[in-house]
Amino acid sequence: MRGLQGMGGVSALDVAESLRAALAHQGIAADINGDHDLAVVSIWAGLAVWCNADRFWWSVGWNPATRRPVYAYQSAVELERAALRVIHRYFDLRRQSGPPGSDSPQVDHGPR
């Protein structure tokens, strides 16, 4: 993986593609949607990473006291660090959600 330092004119799609490629290198499939200014990398149920030209951000849980999601973020120039953090979140969600097709997820994603 390489960072995005020194890449002038980087778009949100460029940043999203760099993360998608880093995840693919680790065997994790993801889809990208968006445009030049804002993109999202869809990875797993409950894990979508939003990107602009400067940073990545994603939900890491739910705060029941404030009834709001809690977000993590990472600078786009720190691609390796962002990818590692997203990978850790991915595996946490997979462990919590049970086997594919399970009707009883163990994760509270907030109000329904």
PDB file of N, CA and C in Angstrom:
ATOM      1  N   MET A   1       0.858  -1.183   0.000  1.00  0.00           N
ATOM      2  CA  MET A   1       0.000   0.000   0.000  1.00  0.00           C
ATOM      3  C   MET A   1       0.896   1.234   0.000  1.00  0.00           C
ATOM      4  N   ARG A   2       0.440   2.257  -0.633  1.00  0.00           N
ATOM      5  CA  ARG A   2       1.194   3.498  -0.596  1.00  0.00           C
ATOM      6  C   ARG A   2       0.250   4.629  -0.263  1.00  0.00           C
ATOM      7  N   GLY A   3       0.790   5.651   0.371  1.00  0.00           N
ATOM      8  CA  GLY A   3      -0.023   6.806   0.731  1.00  0.00           C
ATOM      9  C   GLY A   3      -0.321   7.659  -0.481  1.00  0.00           C
ATOM     10  N   LEU A   4      -1.114   8.684  -0.263  1.00  0.00           N
ATOM     11  CA  LEU A   4      -1.492   9.565  -1.362  1.00  0.00           C
ATOM     12  C   LEU A   4      -0.711  10.872  -1.340  1.00  0.00           C
ATOM     13  N   GLN A   5       0.378  10.934  -0.579  1.00  0.00           N
ATOM     14  CA  GLN A   5       1.155  12.149  -0.499  1.00  0.00           C
ATOM     15  C   GLN A   5       1.731  12.514  -1.866  1.00  0.00           C
ATOM     16  N   GLY A   6       1.719  13.767  -2.122  1.00  0.00           N
ATOM     17  CA  GLY A   6       2.319  14.251  -3.353  1.00  0.00           C
ATOM     18  C   GLY A   6       1.478  14.011  -4.589  1.00  0.00           C
ATOM     19  N   MET A   7       0.235  13.615  -4.424  1.00  0.00           N
ATOM     20  CA  MET A   7      -0.627  13.350  -5.575  1.00  0.00           C
ATOM     21  C   MET A   7      -1.575  14.525  -5.753  1.00  0.00           C
ATOM     22  N   GLY A   8      -1.123  15.575  -6.399  1.00  0.00           N
ATOM     23  CA  GLY A   8      -1.958  16.748  -6.617  1.00  0.00           C
ATOM     24  C   GLY A   8      -3.177  16.414  -7.449  1.00  0.00           C
ATOM     25  N   GLY A   9      -4.283  17.126  -7.210  1.00  0.00           N
ATOM     26  CA  GLY A   9      -5.491  16.922  -7.975  1.00  0.00           C
ATOM     27  C   GLY A   9      -6.205  15.621  -7.666  1.00  0.00           C
ATOM     28  N   VAL A  10      -6.046  15.109  -6.464  1.00  0.00           N
ATOM     29  CA  VAL A  10      -6.685  13.854  -6.080  1.00  0.00           C
ATOM     30  C   VAL A  10      -8.171  14.090  -5.847  1.00  0.00           C
ATOM     31  N   SER A  11      -9.008  13.211  -6.394  1.00  0.00           N
ATOM     32  CA  SER A  11     -10.451  13.314  -6.201  1.00  0.00           C
ATOM     33  C   SER A  11     -10.903  12.333  -5.121  1.00  0.00           C
ATOM     34  N   ALA A  12     -12.146  12.468  -4.693  1.00  0.00           N
ATOM     35  CA  ALA A  12     -12.729  11.530  -3.737  1.00  0.00           C
ATOM     36  C   ALA A  12     -12.725  10.120  -4.319  1.00  0.00           C
ATOM     37  N   LEU A  13     -12.987   9.994  -5.599  1.00  0.00           N
ATOM     38  CA  LEU A  13     -12.963   8.669  -6.230  1.00  0.00           C
ATOM     39  C   LEU A  13     -11.562   8.067  -6.221  1.00  0.00           C
ATOM     40  N   ASP A  14     -10.533   8.903  -6.401  1.00  0.00           N
ATOM     41  CA  ASP A  14      -9.150   8.423  -6.325  1.00  0.00           C
ATOM     42  C   ASP A  14      -8.852   7.887  -4.923  1.00  0.00           C
ATOM     43  N   VAL A  15      -9.273   8.647  -3.914  1.00  0.00           N
ATOM     44  CA  VAL A  15      -9.052   8.259  -2.524  1.00  0.00           C
ATOM     45  C   VAL A  15      -9.803   6.963  -2.225  1.00  0.00           C
ATOM     46  N   ALA A  16     -11.060   6.876  -2.663  1.00  0.00           N
ATOM     47  CA  ALA A  16     -11.859   5.674  -2.453  1.00  0.00           C
ATOM     48  C   ALA A  16     -11.225   4.467  -3.150  1.00  0.00           C
ATOM     49  N   GLU A  17     -10.764   4.653  -4.360  1.00  0.00           N
ATOM     50  CA  GLU A  17     -10.136   3.557  -5.099  1.00  0.00           C
ATOM     51  C   GLU A  17      -8.861   3.091  -4.402  1.00  0.00           C
ATOM     52  N   SER A  18      -8.101   4.012  -3.818  1.00  0.00           N
ATOM     53  CA  SER A  18      -6.889   3.601  -3.103  1.00  0.00           C
ATOM     54  C   SER A  18      -7.252   2.717  -1.913  1.00  0.00           C
ATOM     55  N   LEU A  19      -8.317   3.048  -1.195  1.00  0.00           N
ATOM     56  CA  LEU A  19      -8.747   2.224  -0.074  1.00  0.00           C
ATOM     57  C   LEU A  19      -9.289   0.883  -0.567  1.00  0.00           C
ATOM     58  N   ARG A  20     -10.101   0.900  -1.620  1.00  0.00           N
ATOM     59  CA  ARG A  20     -10.630  -0.345  -2.175  1.00  0.00           C
ATOM     60  C   ARG A  20      -9.502  -1.283  -2.581  1.00  0.00           C
ATOM     61  N   ALA A  21      -8.478  -0.750  -3.211  1.00  0.00           N
ATOM     62  CA  ALA A  21      -7.337  -1.567  -3.637  1.00  0.00           C
ATOM     63  C   ALA A  21      -6.585  -2.134  -2.430  1.00  0.00           C
ATOM     64  N   ALA A  22      -6.410  -1.331  -1.383  1.00  0.00           N
ATOM     65  CA  ALA A  22      -5.737  -1.804  -0.173  1.00  0.00           C
ATOM     66  C   ALA A  22      -6.539  -2.925   0.481  1.00  0.00           C
ATOM     67  N   LEU A  23      -7.854  -2.793   0.504  1.00  0.00           N
ATOM     68  CA  LEU A  23      -8.708  -3.837   1.068  1.00  0.00           C
ATOM     69  C   LEU A  23      -8.657  -5.101   0.204  1.00  0.00           C
ATOM     70  N   ALA A  24      -8.709  -4.933  -1.117  1.00  0.00           N
ATOM     71  CA  ALA A  24      -8.647  -6.076  -2.034  1.00  0.00           C
ATOM     72  C   ALA A  24      -7.343  -6.841  -1.852  1.00  0.00           C
ATOM     73  N   HIS A  25      -6.270  -6.122  -1.592  1.00  0.00           N
ATOM     74  CA  HIS A  25      -4.964  -6.745  -1.357  1.00  0.00           C
ATOM     75  C   HIS A  25      -5.020  -7.671  -0.137  1.00  0.00           C
ATOM     76  N   GLN A  26      -5.932  -7.392   0.784  1.00  0.00           N
ATOM     77  CA  GLN A  26      -6.119  -8.219   1.985  1.00  0.00           C
ATOM     78  C   GLN A  26      -7.284  -9.206   1.823  1.00  0.00           C
ATOM     79  N   GLY A  27      -7.834  -9.314   0.609  1.00  0.00           N
ATOM     80  CA  GLY A  27      -8.898 -10.263   0.332  1.00  0.00           C
ATOM     81  C   GLY A  27     -10.290  -9.784   0.719  1.00  0.00           C
ATOM     82  N   ILE A  28     -10.458  -8.475   0.907  1.00  0.00           N
ATOM     83  CA  ILE A  28     -11.747  -7.907   1.308  1.00  0.00           C
ATOM     84  C   ILE A  28     -12.348  -7.177   0.113  1.00  0.00           C
ATOM     85  N   ALA A  29     -13.517  -7.626  -0.325  1.00  0.00           N
ATOM     86  CA  ALA A  29     -14.189  -7.009  -1.469  1.00  0.00           C
ATOM     87  C   ALA A  29     -14.939  -5.764  -1.037  1.00  0.00           C
ATOM     88  N   ALA A  30     -14.994  -4.777  -1.919  1.00  0.00           N
ATOM     89  CA  ALA A  30     -15.713  -3.533  -1.639  1.00  0.00           C
ATOM     90  C   ALA A  30     -16.176  -2.920  -2.952  1.00  0.00           C
ATOM     91  N   ASP A  31     -17.237  -2.121  -2.852  1.00  0.00           N
ATOM     92  CA  ASP A  31     -17.766  -1.383  -3.998  1.00  0.00           C
ATOM     93  C   ASP A  31     -17.592   0.103  -3.744  1.00  0.00           C
ATOM     94  N   ILE A  32     -17.509   0.878  -4.831  1.00  0.00           N
ATOM     95  CA  ILE A  32     -17.364   2.334  -4.720  1.00  0.00           C
ATOM     96  C   ILE A  32     -18.511   3.006  -5.455  1.00  0.00           C
ATOM     97  N   ASN A  33     -19.057   4.035  -4.827  1.00  0.00           N
ATOM     98  CA  ASN A  33     -20.046   4.905  -5.465  1.00  0.00           C
ATOM     99  C   ASN A  33     -19.672   6.338  -5.126  1.00  0.00           C
ATOM    100  N   GLY A  34     -19.962   7.246  -6.030  1.00  0.00           N
ATOM    101  CA  GLY A  34     -19.686   8.645  -5.742  1.00  0.00           C
ATOM    102  C   GLY A  34     -19.263   9.417  -6.960  1.00  0.00           C
ATOM    103  N   ASP A  35     -18.648  10.553  -6.687  1.00  0.00           N
ATOM    104  CA  ASP A  35     -18.158  11.409  -7.761  1.00  0.00           C
ATOM    105  C   ASP A  35     -16.854  12.067  -7.324  1.00  0.00           C
ATOM    106  N   HIS A  36     -16.474  13.133  -7.981  1.00  0.00           N
ATOM    107  CA  HIS A  36     -15.198  13.790  -7.724  1.00  0.00           C
ATOM    108  C   HIS A  36     -15.080  14.317  -6.295  1.00  0.00           C
ATOM    109  N   ASP A  37     -16.191  14.822  -5.717  1.00  0.00           N
ATOM    110  CA  ASP A  37     -16.135  15.483  -4.411  1.00  0.00           C
ATOM    111  C   ASP A  37     -16.386  14.574  -3.216  1.00  0.00           C
ATOM    112  N   LEU A  38     -17.177  13.519  -3.382  1.00  0.00           N
ATOM    113  CA  LEU A  38     -17.544  12.644  -2.270  1.00  0.00           C
ATOM    114  C   LEU A  38     -17.785  11.234  -2.799  1.00  0.00           C
ATOM    115  N   ALA A  39     -17.209  10.260  -2.114  1.00  0.00           N
ATOM    116  CA  ALA A  39     -17.387   8.862  -2.519  1.00  0.00           C
ATOM    117  C   ALA A  39     -17.564   8.003  -1.274  1.00  0.00           C
ATOM    118  N   VAL A  40     -18.155   6.835  -1.469  1.00  0.00           N
ATOM    119  CA  VAL A  40     -18.324   5.889  -0.369  1.00  0.00           C
ATOM    120  C   VAL A  40     -17.825   4.518  -0.819  1.00  0.00           C
ATOM    121  N   VAL A  41     -17.090   3.861   0.080  1.00  0.00           N
ATOM    122  CA  VAL A  41     -16.614   2.507  -0.143  1.00  0.00           C
ATOM    123  C   VAL A  41     -17.480   1.600   0.720  1.00  0.00           C
ATOM    124  N   SER A  42     -18.326   0.798   0.083  1.00  0.00           N
ATOM    125  CA  SER A  42     -19.222  -0.120   0.794  1.00  0.00           C
ATOM    126  C   SER A  42     -18.505  -1.443   0.989  1.00  0.00           C
ATOM    127  N   ILE A  43     -18.383  -1.867   2.256  1.00  0.00           N
ATOM    128  CA  ILE A  43     -17.552  -3.025   2.565  1.00  0.00           C
ATOM    129  C   ILE A  43     -18.346  -4.177   3.172  1.00  0.00           C
ATOM    130  N   TRP A  44     -19.178  -3.876   4.167  1.00  0.00           N
ATOM    131  CA  TRP A  44     -19.911  -4.912   4.903  1.00  0.00           C
ATOM    132  C   TRP A  44     -21.133  -4.245   5.503  1.00  0.00           C
ATOM    133  N   ALA A  45     -22.127  -5.020   5.902  1.00  0.00           N
ATOM    134  CA  ALA A  45     -23.304  -4.455   6.561  1.00  0.00           C
ATOM    135  C   ALA A  45     -22.846  -3.665   7.780  1.00  0.00           C
ATOM    136  N   GLY A  46     -23.157  -2.376   7.790  1.00  0.00           N
ATOM    137  CA  GLY A  46     -22.737  -1.519   8.891  1.00  0.00           C
ATOM    138  C   GLY A  46     -21.366  -0.909   8.716  1.00  0.00           C
ATOM    139  N   LEU A  47     -20.720  -1.146   7.582  1.00  0.00           N
ATOM    140  CA  LEU A  47     -19.394  -0.558   7.351  1.00  0.00           C
ATOM    141  C   LEU A  47     -19.315   0.047   5.960  1.00  0.00           C
ATOM    142  N   ALA A  48     -19.477   1.337   5.917  1.00  0.00           N
ATOM    143  CA  ALA A  48     -19.290   2.129   4.707  1.00  0.00           C
ATOM    144  C   ALA A  48     -18.308   3.232   5.052  1.00  0.00           C
ATOM    145  N   VAL A  49     -17.298   3.403   4.237  1.00  0.00           N
ATOM    146  CA  VAL A  49     -16.279   4.419   4.483  1.00  0.00           C
ATOM    147  C   VAL A  49     -16.491   5.557   3.498  1.00  0.00           C
ATOM    148  N   TRP A  50     -16.781   6.734   4.034  1.00  0.00           N
ATOM    149  CA  TRP A  50     -16.958   7.926   3.215  1.00  0.00           C
ATOM    150  C   TRP A  50     -15.589   8.537   2.953  1.00  0.00           C
ATOM    151  N   CYS A  51     -15.425   9.113   1.773  1.00  0.00           N
ATOM    152  CA  CYS A  51     -14.139   9.683   1.377  1.00  0.00           C
ATOM    153  C   CYS A  51     -14.358  11.013   0.678  1.00  0.00           C
ATOM    154  N   ASN A  52     -13.460  11.949   0.957  1.00  0.00           N
ATOM    155  CA  ASN A  52     -13.318  13.119   0.104  1.00  0.00           C
ATOM    156  C   ASN A  52     -11.839  13.173  -0.269  1.00  0.00           C
ATOM    157  N   ALA A  53     -11.364  14.240  -0.813  1.00  0.00           N
ATOM    158  CA  ALA A  53      -9.969  14.297  -1.237  1.00  0.00           C
ATOM    159  C   ALA A  53      -9.005  14.323  -0.057  1.00  0.00           C
ATOM    160  N   ASP A  54      -9.513  14.609   1.156  1.00  0.00           N
ATOM    161  CA  ASP A  54      -8.649  14.797   2.318  1.00  0.00           C
ATOM    162  C   ASP A  54      -8.700  13.695   3.363  1.00  0.00           C
ATOM    163  N   ARG A  55      -9.837  12.982   3.469  1.00  0.00           N
ATOM    164  CA  ARG A  55      -9.961  12.036   4.574  1.00  0.00           C
ATOM    165  C   ARG A  55     -10.953  10.922   4.304  1.00  0.00           C
ATOM    166  N   PHE A  56     -10.849   9.913   5.181  1.00  0.00           N
ATOM    167  CA  PHE A  56     -11.784   8.797   5.250  1.00  0.00           C
ATOM    168  C   PHE A  56     -12.545   8.940   6.561  1.00  0.00           C
ATOM    169  N   TRP A  57     -13.831   8.542   6.609  1.00  0.00           N
ATOM    170  CA  TRP A  57     -14.542   8.449   7.887  1.00  0.00           C
ATOM    171  C   TRP A  57     -15.594   7.363   7.820  1.00  0.00           C
ATOM    172  N   TRP A  58     -15.834   6.719   8.976  1.00  0.00           N
ATOM    173  CA  TRP A  58     -16.744   5.583   9.050  1.00  0.00           C
ATOM    174  C   TRP A  58     -17.289   5.470  10.470  1.00  0.00           C
ATOM    175  N   SER A  59     -18.432   4.783  10.585  1.00  0.00           N
ATOM    176  CA  SER A  59     -19.059   4.577  11.886  1.00  0.00           C
ATOM    177  C   SER A  59     -18.366   3.432  12.614  1.00  0.00           C
ATOM    178  N   VAL A  60     -18.111   3.650  13.910  1.00  0.00           N
ATOM    179  CA  VAL A  60     -17.497   2.608  14.733  1.00  0.00           C
ATOM    180  C   VAL A  60     -18.429   2.144  15.842  1.00  0.00           C
ATOM    181  N   GLY A  61     -19.650   2.625  15.818  1.00  0.00           N
ATOM    182  CA  GLY A  61     -20.590   2.176  16.835  1.00  0.00           C
ATOM    183  C   GLY A  61     -21.700   3.182  17.067  1.00  0.00           C
ATOM    184  N   TRP A  62     -22.405   2.949  18.155  1.00  0.00           N
ATOM    185  CA  TRP A  62     -23.571   3.745  18.511  1.00  0.00           C
ATOM    186  C   TRP A  62     -23.435   4.187  19.959  1.00  0.00           C
ATOM    187  N   ASN A  63     -23.674   5.467  20.221  1.00  0.00           N
ATOM    188  CA  ASN A  63     -23.654   5.973  21.591  1.00  0.00           C
ATOM    189  C   ASN A  63     -25.091   6.024  22.087  1.00  0.00           C
ATOM    190  N   PRO A  64     -25.492   5.101  22.981  1.00  0.00           N
ATOM    191  CA  PRO A  64     -26.882   5.068  23.432  1.00  0.00           C
ATOM    192  C   PRO A  64     -27.262   6.302  24.259  1.00  0.00           C
ATOM    193  N   ALA A  65     -26.292   6.930  24.904  1.00  0.00           N
ATOM    194  CA  ALA A  65     -26.591   8.117  25.712  1.00  0.00           C
ATOM    195  C   ALA A  65     -27.011   9.300  24.841  1.00  0.00           C
ATOM    196  N   THR A  66     -26.310   9.496  23.740  1.00  0.00           N
ATOM    197  CA  THR A  66     -26.625  10.617  22.845  1.00  0.00           C
ATOM    198  C   THR A  66     -27.535  10.199  21.702  1.00  0.00           C
ATOM    199  N   ARG A  67     -27.721   8.861  21.545  1.00  0.00           N
ATOM    200  CA  ARG A  67     -28.522   8.290  20.466  1.00  0.00           C
ATOM    201  C   ARG A  67     -28.000   8.743  19.098  1.00  0.00           C
ATOM    202  N   ARG A  68     -26.675   8.696  18.972  1.00  0.00           N
ATOM    203  CA  ARG A  68     -26.011   9.086  17.723  1.00  0.00           C
ATOM    204  C   ARG A  68     -24.868   8.124  17.416  1.00  0.00           C
ATOM    205  N   PRO A  69     -24.542   7.993  16.150  1.00  0.00           N
ATOM    206  CA  PRO A  69     -23.393   7.151  15.806  1.00  0.00           C
ATOM    207  C   PRO A  69     -22.084   7.805  16.251  1.00  0.00           C
ATOM    208  N   VAL A  70     -21.087   6.965  16.451  1.00  0.00           N
ATOM    209  CA  VAL A  70     -19.732   7.410  16.769  1.00  0.00           C
ATOM    210  C   VAL A  70     -18.894   7.138  15.524  1.00  0.00           C
ATOM    211  N   TYR A  71     -18.124   8.128  15.109  1.00  0.00           N
ATOM    212  CA  TYR A  71     -17.327   8.009  13.887  1.00  0.00           C
ATOM    213  C   TYR A  71     -15.836   8.038  14.175  1.00  0.00           C
ATOM    214  N   ALA A  72     -15.091   7.344  13.336  1.00  0.00           N
ATOM    215  CA  ALA A  72     -13.637   7.425  13.306  1.00  0.00           C
ATOM    216  C   ALA A  72     -13.261   8.082  11.988  1.00  0.00           C
ATOM    217  N   TYR A  73     -12.101   8.695  11.948  1.00  0.00           N
ATOM    218  CA  TYR A  73     -11.631   9.265  10.686  1.00  0.00           C
ATOM    219  C   TYR A  73     -10.127   9.144  10.608  1.00  0.00           C
ATOM    220  N   GLN A  74      -9.635   9.249   9.389  1.00  0.00           N
ATOM    221  CA  GLN A  74      -8.193   9.184   9.137  1.00  0.00           C
ATOM    222  C   GLN A  74      -7.886  10.029   7.918  1.00  0.00           C
ATOM    223  N   SER A  75      -6.773  10.702   7.958  1.00  0.00           N
ATOM    224  CA  SER A  75      -6.331  11.511   6.830  1.00  0.00           C
ATOM    225  C   SER A  75      -6.085  10.621   5.612  1.00  0.00           C
ATOM    226  N   ALA A  76      -6.424  11.123   4.442  1.00  0.00           N
ATOM    227  CA  ALA A  76      -6.232  10.365   3.205  1.00  0.00           C
ATOM    228  C   ALA A  76      -4.750  10.129   2.898  1.00  0.00           C
ATOM    229  N   VAL A  77      -3.872  10.970   3.407  1.00  0.00           N
ATOM    230  CA  VAL A  77      -2.442  10.743   3.174  1.00  0.00           C
ATOM    231  C   VAL A  77      -1.900   9.609   4.037  1.00  0.00           C
ATOM    232  N   GLU A  78      -2.712   9.129   4.979  1.00  0.00           N
ATOM    233  CA  GLU A  78      -2.326   8.002   5.826  1.00  0.00           C
ATOM    234  C   GLU A  78      -3.123   6.757   5.417  1.00  0.00           C
ATOM    235  N   LEU A  79      -3.031   6.420   4.151  1.00  0.00           N
ATOM    236  CA  LEU A  79      -3.793   5.309   3.583  1.00  0.00           C
ATOM    237  C   LEU A  79      -3.559   4.007   4.341  1.00  0.00           C
ATOM    238  N   GLU A  80      -2.313   3.672   4.620  1.00  0.00           N
ATOM    239  CA  GLU A  80      -2.019   2.406   5.289  1.00  0.00           C
ATOM    240  C   GLU A  80      -2.705   2.340   6.652  1.00  0.00           C
ATOM    241  N   ARG A  81      -2.638   3.420   7.407  1.00  0.00           N
ATOM    242  CA  ARG A  81      -3.270   3.466   8.741  1.00  0.00           C
ATOM    243  C   ARG A  81      -4.790   3.366   8.606  1.00  0.00           C
ATOM    244  N   ALA A  82      -5.366   4.084   7.658  1.00  0.00           N
ATOM    245  CA  ALA A  82      -6.814   4.026   7.449  1.00  0.00           C
ATOM    246  C   ALA A  82      -7.237   2.610   7.082  1.00  0.00           C
ATOM    247  N   ALA A  83      -6.513   1.988   6.169  1.00  0.00           N
ATOM    248  CA  ALA A  83      -6.866   0.633   5.742  1.00  0.00           C
ATOM    249  C   ALA A  83      -6.800  -0.349   6.911  1.00  0.00           C
ATOM    250  N   LEU A  84      -5.773  -0.255   7.735  1.00  0.00           N
ATOM    251  CA  LEU A  84      -5.664  -1.147   8.893  1.00  0.00           C
ATOM    252  C   LEU A  84      -6.821  -0.953   9.860  1.00  0.00           C
ATOM    253  N   ARG A  85      -7.191   0.295  10.113  1.00  0.00           N
ATOM    254  CA  ARG A  85      -8.303   0.569  11.033  1.00  0.00           C
ATOM    255  C   ARG A  85      -9.625   0.043  10.463  1.00  0.00           C
ATOM    256  N   VAL A  86      -9.833   0.225   9.168  1.00  0.00           N
ATOM    257  CA  VAL A  86     -11.058  -0.256   8.529  1.00  0.00           C
ATOM    258  C   VAL A  86     -11.081  -1.786   8.536  1.00  0.00           C
ATOM    259  N   ILE A  87      -9.949  -2.411   8.288  1.00  0.00           N
ATOM    260  CA  ILE A  87      -9.866  -3.871   8.317  1.00  0.00           C
ATOM    261  C   ILE A  87     -10.214  -4.399   9.706  1.00  0.00           C
ATOM    262  N   HIS A  88      -9.699  -3.764  10.731  1.00  0.00           N
ATOM    263  CA  HIS A  88     -10.033  -4.183  12.105  1.00  0.00           C
ATOM    264  C   HIS A  88     -11.531  -4.050  12.361  1.00  0.00           C
ATOM    265  N   ARG A  89     -12.135  -2.960  11.907  1.00  0.00           N
ATOM    266  CA  ARG A  89     -13.577  -2.768  12.083  1.00  0.00           C
ATOM    267  C   ARG A  89     -14.361  -3.829  11.309  1.00  0.00           C
ATOM    268  N   TYR A  90     -13.914  -4.124  10.108  1.00  0.00           N
ATOM    269  CA  TYR A  90     -14.545  -5.148   9.280  1.00  0.00           C
ATOM    270  C   TYR A  90     -14.593  -6.489  10.019  1.00  0.00           C
ATOM    271  N   PHE A  91     -13.457  -6.915  10.558  1.00  0.00           N
ATOM    272  CA  PHE A  91     -13.428  -8.199  11.255  1.00  0.00           C
ATOM    273  C   PHE A  91     -14.226  -8.160  12.554  1.00  0.00           C
ATOM    274  N   ASP A  92     -14.255  -7.036  13.243  1.00  0.00           N
ATOM    275  CA  ASP A  92     -15.110  -6.897  14.430  1.00  0.00           C
ATOM    276  C   ASP A  92     -16.575  -7.093  14.057  1.00  0.00           C
ATOM    277  N   LEU A  93     -17.023  -6.430  12.993  1.00  0.00           N
ATOM    278  CA  LEU A  93     -18.412  -6.562  12.560  1.00  0.00           C
ATOM    279  C   LEU A  93     -18.735  -7.987  12.124  1.00  0.00           C
ATOM    280  N   ARG A  94     -17.822  -8.619  11.436  1.00  0.00           N
ATOM    281  CA  ARG A  94     -18.060 -10.001  11.000  1.00  0.00           C
ATOM    282  C   ARG A  94     -18.207 -10.926  12.196  1.00  0.00           C
ATOM    283  N   ARG A  95     -17.370 -10.746  13.219  1.00  0.00           N
ATOM    284  CA  ARG A  95     -17.478 -11.575  14.432  1.00  0.00           C
ATOM    285  C   ARG A  95     -18.800 -11.335  15.143  1.00  0.00           C
ATOM    286  N   GLN A  96     -19.247 -10.079  15.197  1.00  0.00           N
ATOM    287  CA  GLN A  96     -20.465  -9.719  15.921  1.00  0.00           C
ATOM    288  C   GLN A  96     -21.730 -10.132  15.187  1.00  0.00           C
ATOM    289  N   SER A  97     -21.697 -10.194  13.875  1.00  0.00           N
ATOM    290  CA  SER A  97     -22.919 -10.422  13.115  1.00  0.00           C
ATOM    291  C   SER A  97     -23.291 -11.884  12.971  1.00  0.00           C
ATOM    292  N   GLY A  98     -22.417 -12.780  13.334  1.00  0.00           N
ATOM    293  CA  GLY A  98     -22.731 -14.190  13.205  1.00  0.00           C
ATOM    294  C   GLY A  98     -22.560 -14.661  11.777  1.00  0.00           C
ATOM    295  N   PRO A  99     -22.989 -15.894  11.518  1.00  0.00           N
ATOM    296  CA  PRO A  99     -22.798 -16.457  10.183  1.00  0.00           C
ATOM    297  C   PRO A  99     -23.649 -15.742   9.136  1.00  0.00           C
ATOM    298  N   PRO A 100     -23.222 -15.741   7.866  1.00  0.00           N
ATOM    299  CA  PRO A 100     -24.012 -15.114   6.811  1.00  0.00           C
ATOM    300  C   PRO A 100     -25.429 -15.682   6.782  1.00  0.00           C
ATOM    301  N   GLY A 101     -26.416 -14.817   6.595  1.00  0.00           N
ATOM    302  CA  GLY A 101     -27.804 -15.232   6.529  1.00  0.00           C
ATOM    303  C   GLY A 101     -28.468 -15.350   7.881  1.00  0.00           C
ATOM    304  N   SER A 102     -27.727 -15.088   8.952  1.00  0.00           N
ATOM    305  CA  SER A 102     -28.300 -15.170  10.293  1.00  0.00           C
ATOM    306  C   SER A 102     -29.372 -14.098  10.466  1.00  0.00           C
ATOM    307  N   ASP A 103     -30.495 -14.467  11.055  1.00  0.00           N
ATOM    308  CA  ASP A 103     -31.589 -13.522  11.266  1.00  0.00           C
ATOM    309  C   ASP A 103     -31.485 -12.788  12.590  1.00  0.00           C
ATOM    310  N   SER A 104     -30.504 -13.096  13.388  1.00  0.00           N
ATOM    311  CA  SER A 104     -30.404 -12.454  14.697  1.00  0.00           C
ATOM    312  C   SER A 104     -29.038 -11.814  14.891  1.00  0.00           C
ATOM    313  N   PRO A 105     -28.819 -10.663  14.253  1.00  0.00           N
ATOM    314  CA  PRO A 105     -27.524  -9.991  14.429  1.00  0.00           C
ATOM    315  C   PRO A 105     -27.323  -9.595  15.881  1.00  0.00           C
ATOM    316  N   GLN A 106     -26.079  -9.621  16.303  1.00  0.00           N
ATOM    317  CA  GLN A 106     -25.733  -9.295  17.681  1.00  0.00           C
ATOM    318  C   GLN A 106     -25.268  -7.860  17.816  1.00  0.00           C
ATOM    319  N   VAL A 107     -25.359  -7.077  16.776  1.00  0.00           N
ATOM    320  CA  VAL A 107     -24.885  -5.696  16.781  1.00  0.00           C
ATOM    321  C   VAL A 107     -26.066  -4.756  16.854  1.00  0.00           C
ATOM    322  N   ASP A 108     -26.005  -3.776  17.751  1.00  0.00           N
ATOM    323  CA  ASP A 108     -27.054  -2.748  17.819  1.00  0.00           C
ATOM    324  C   ASP A 108     -26.598  -1.582  16.949  1.00  0.00           C
ATOM    325  N   HIS A 109     -27.274  -1.386  15.818  1.00  0.00           N
ATOM    326  CA  HIS A 109     -26.922  -0.307  14.890  1.00  0.00           C
ATOM    327  C   HIS A 109     -27.762   0.934  15.115  1.00  0.00           C
ATOM    328  N   GLY A 110     -28.379   1.048  16.279  1.00  0.00           N
ATOM    329  CA  GLY A 110     -29.157   2.246  16.581  1.00  0.00           C
ATOM    330  C   GLY A 110     -30.622   2.058  16.297  1.00  0.00           C
ATOM    331  N   PRO A 111     -31.357   3.163  16.300  1.00  0.00           N
ATOM    332  CA  PRO A 111     -32.816   3.076  16.132  1.00  0.00           C
ATOM    333  C   PRO A 111     -33.198   2.548  14.763  1.00  0.00           C
ATOM    334  N   ARG A 112     -34.326   1.910  14.722  1.00  0.00           N
ATOM    335  CA  ARG A 112     -34.824   1.340  13.472  1.00  0.00           C
ATOM    336  C   ARG A 112     -36.048   2.062  13.028  1.00  0.00           C
TER     337      ARG A 112
END
